[in-house]
Amino acid sequence: MKAIIAGIAAIIVVSAAAWYGLNQAGFSSQELNSGDNVRLD
């Protein structure tokens, strides 16, 4: 049971760090898939 909880906790930490790191690096889908002719609100 401890291994399952540790694995779930590791998944949460890794996914949160990846989300934050990719957004800070400018790799969001909004920034990558929009051009100059696309108007985003």
N, C-alpha and C. Protein backbone atom coordinates (compact mmCIF):
# COMPACT_ATOMS: atom_id res chain seq x y z
N MET A 1 0.82 -1.20 0.00
CA MET A 1 0.00 0.00 0.00
C MET A 1 0.86 1.26 0.00
N LYS A 2 1.98 1.21 0.72
CA LYS A 2 2.87 2.36 0.75
C LYS A 2 3.46 2.64 -0.63
N ALA A 3 3.73 1.59 -1.39
CA ALA A 3 4.31 1.77 -2.72
C ALA A 3 3.31 2.45 -3.67
N ILE A 4 2.05 2.10 -3.56
CA ILE A 4 1.02 2.71 -4.41
C ILE A 4 0.88 4.19 -4.08
N ILE A 5 0.83 4.52 -2.80
CA ILE A 5 0.69 5.92 -2.39
C ILE A 5 1.93 6.71 -2.79
N ALA A 6 3.11 6.12 -2.65
CA ALA A 6 4.34 6.80 -3.05
C ALA A 6 4.36 7.01 -4.57
N GLY A 7 3.88 6.04 -5.32
CA GLY A 7 3.83 6.18 -6.77
C GLY A 7 2.86 7.26 -7.21
N ILE A 8 1.71 7.32 -6.58
CA ILE A 8 0.73 8.36 -6.91
C ILE A 8 1.28 9.74 -6.54
N ALA A 9 1.93 9.84 -5.41
CA ALA A 9 2.53 11.11 -5.00
C ALA A 9 3.62 11.54 -5.97
N ALA A 10 4.42 10.58 -6.45
CA ALA A 10 5.47 10.91 -7.42
C ALA A 10 4.88 11.38 -8.74
N ILE A 11 3.80 10.75 -9.18
CA ILE A 11 3.14 11.17 -10.42
C ILE A 11 2.62 12.60 -10.29
N ILE A 12 2.03 12.92 -9.15
CA ILE A 12 1.52 14.27 -8.93
C ILE A 12 2.64 15.30 -8.94
N VAL A 13 3.74 15.00 -8.27
CA VAL A 13 4.86 15.93 -8.21
C VAL A 13 5.49 16.12 -9.57
N VAL A 14 5.71 15.04 -10.31
CA VAL A 14 6.34 15.14 -11.63
C VAL A 14 5.45 15.88 -12.61
N SER A 15 4.15 15.61 -12.59
CA SER A 15 3.26 16.28 -13.54
C SER A 15 3.12 17.76 -13.21
N ALA A 16 3.07 18.12 -11.94
CA ALA A 16 3.00 19.53 -11.57
C ALA A 16 4.28 20.27 -11.95
N ALA A 17 5.42 19.64 -11.73
CA ALA A 17 6.69 20.27 -12.10
C ALA A 17 6.81 20.42 -13.62
N ALA A 18 6.36 19.44 -14.37
CA ALA A 18 6.41 19.52 -15.83
C ALA A 18 5.49 20.60 -16.34
N TRP A 19 4.27 20.70 -15.78
CA TRP A 19 3.32 21.73 -16.19
C TRP A 19 3.90 23.12 -15.93
N TYR A 20 4.44 23.33 -14.75
CA TYR A 20 5.00 24.63 -14.40
C TYR A 20 6.23 24.95 -15.25
N GLY A 21 7.11 23.98 -15.41
CA GLY A 21 8.33 24.21 -16.17
C GLY A 21 8.07 24.49 -17.64
N LEU A 22 7.15 23.75 -18.25
CA LEU A 22 6.85 23.98 -19.67
C LEU A 22 6.15 25.32 -19.88
N ASN A 23 5.30 25.73 -18.97
CA ASN A 23 4.66 27.04 -19.10
C ASN A 23 5.67 28.16 -18.94
N GLN A 24 6.61 28.02 -18.05
CA GLN A 24 7.62 29.05 -17.86
C GLN A 24 8.60 29.11 -19.03
N ALA A 25 8.82 27.99 -19.68
CA ALA A 25 9.75 27.94 -20.82
C ALA A 25 9.09 28.39 -22.12
N GLY A 26 7.78 28.61 -22.11
CA GLY A 26 7.09 29.06 -23.31
C GLY A 26 6.65 27.95 -24.23
N PHE A 27 6.46 26.77 -23.70
CA PHE A 27 6.05 25.63 -24.51
C PHE A 27 4.56 25.31 -24.37
N SER A 28 3.74 26.31 -24.04
CA SER A 28 2.31 26.04 -23.95
C SER A 28 1.73 25.91 -25.35
N SER A 29 0.65 25.17 -25.48
CA SER A 29 0.05 24.96 -26.80
C SER A 29 -0.50 26.27 -27.37
N GLN A 30 -0.90 27.17 -26.52
CA GLN A 30 -1.39 28.47 -26.99
C GLN A 30 -0.27 29.26 -27.66
N GLU A 31 0.91 29.22 -27.12
CA GLU A 31 2.02 29.97 -27.70
C GLU A 31 2.59 29.28 -28.93
N LEU A 32 2.56 27.95 -28.96
CA LEU A 32 3.15 27.23 -30.08
C LEU A 32 2.24 27.18 -31.30
N ASN A 33 0.93 27.13 -31.10
CA ASN A 33 0.00 26.93 -32.22
C ASN A 33 -0.65 28.19 -32.71
N SER A 34 -0.28 29.35 -32.21
CA SER A 34 -0.88 30.59 -32.67
C SER A 34 0.15 31.39 -33.47
N GLY A 35 -0.35 32.02 -34.52
CA GLY A 35 0.51 32.86 -35.34
C GLY A 35 0.13 34.31 -35.16
N ASP A 36 0.67 35.17 -36.02
CA ASP A 36 0.39 36.59 -35.92
C ASP A 36 -1.06 36.91 -36.33
N ASN A 37 -1.69 36.07 -37.14
CA ASN A 37 -3.03 36.32 -37.62
C ASN A 37 -4.12 35.73 -36.74
N VAL A 38 -3.73 35.17 -35.60
CA VAL A 38 -4.70 34.56 -34.68
C VAL A 38 -4.91 35.50 -33.52
N ARG A 39 -6.16 35.78 -33.23
CA ARG A 39 -6.49 36.67 -32.13
C ARG A 39 -6.94 35.83 -30.94
N LEU A 40 -6.20 35.90 -29.84
CA LEU A 40 -6.54 35.16 -28.64
C LEU A 40 -6.92 36.14 -27.56
N ASP A 41 -8.01 35.88 -26.87
CA ASP A 41 -8.45 36.78 -25.80
C ASP A 41 -7.91 36.36 -24.47
